[in-house]
Amino acid sequence: MQIKIYQVDAFAEEIFTGNPAAVCPLPLDWLPEETIQSIAKENNLYDRYKYNKILS
């Protein structure tokens, strides 16, 4: 499985400040929580949040 990962600086007004966060755009179906935790662990991130694209 391949998932695009974008690392962003959350809560920051300047680059390389704030909290690092990995953003993984997902299809409408969520990944299993175990997979999401593995992505966070692999990227040395403390927490994880999920979103999906809303189709209009």
Protein backbone atom coordinates (compact mmCIF):
# COMPACT_ATOMS: atom_id res chain seq x y z
CA MET A 1 0.00 0.00 0.00
CA GLN A 2 1.28 3.47 -0.84
CA ILE A 3 0.02 6.53 1.01
CA LYS A 4 1.18 10.08 0.34
CA ILE A 5 2.47 11.81 3.46
CA TYR A 6 2.94 15.57 3.79
CA GLN A 7 4.78 16.88 6.84
CA VAL A 8 3.63 20.31 7.96
CA ASP A 9 4.40 22.68 10.83
CA ALA A 10 1.17 22.92 12.80
CA PHE A 11 0.47 26.00 14.93
CA ALA A 12 3.32 27.90 13.24
CA GLU A 13 3.67 31.16 11.41
CA GLU A 14 7.22 30.42 10.22
CA ILE A 15 8.86 27.38 8.65
CA PHE A 16 10.59 24.93 11.02
CA THR A 17 8.63 26.13 14.05
CA GLY A 18 5.50 24.76 15.66
CA ASN A 19 4.57 21.10 15.99
CA PRO A 20 5.40 18.66 13.20
CA ALA A 21 2.37 16.89 11.79
CA ALA A 22 2.01 14.31 9.04
CA VAL A 23 -1.00 14.78 6.79
CA CYS A 24 -2.15 11.73 4.85
CA PRO A 25 -5.04 12.36 2.44
CA LEU A 26 -7.19 9.24 2.57
CA PRO A 27 -10.08 7.92 0.51
CA LEU A 28 -13.55 7.98 2.03
CA ASP A 29 -12.82 4.77 3.96
CA TRP A 30 -10.55 5.15 6.99
CA LEU A 31 -7.47 3.04 7.44
CA PRO A 32 -7.46 0.72 10.44
CA GLU A 33 -6.39 2.52 13.64
CA GLU A 34 -3.39 0.16 13.90
CA THR A 35 -2.13 1.37 10.49
CA ILE A 36 -2.61 5.02 11.41
CA GLN A 37 -0.67 4.51 14.65
CA SER A 38 2.12 2.82 12.67
CA ILE A 39 2.35 5.82 10.32
CA ALA A 40 2.64 8.18 13.31
CA LYS A 41 5.27 5.97 14.97
CA GLU A 42 7.32 5.60 11.78
CA ASN A 43 7.42 9.39 11.39
CA ASN A 44 8.24 9.99 15.08
CA LEU A 45 4.99 11.85 15.65
CA TYR A 46 3.16 11.87 18.96
CA ASP A 47 -0.42 12.13 17.81
CA ARG A 48 -2.48 11.53 14.70
CA TYR A 49 -5.59 13.06 13.21
CA LYS A 50 -7.69 11.91 10.31
CA TYR A 51 -9.65 13.65 7.62
CA ASN A 52 -11.18 12.69 4.33
CA LYS A 53 -12.13 14.72 1.32
CA ILE A 54 -15.79 15.69 1.21
CA LEU A 55 -17.22 15.35 -2.27
CA SER A 56 -19.81 17.95 -3.30
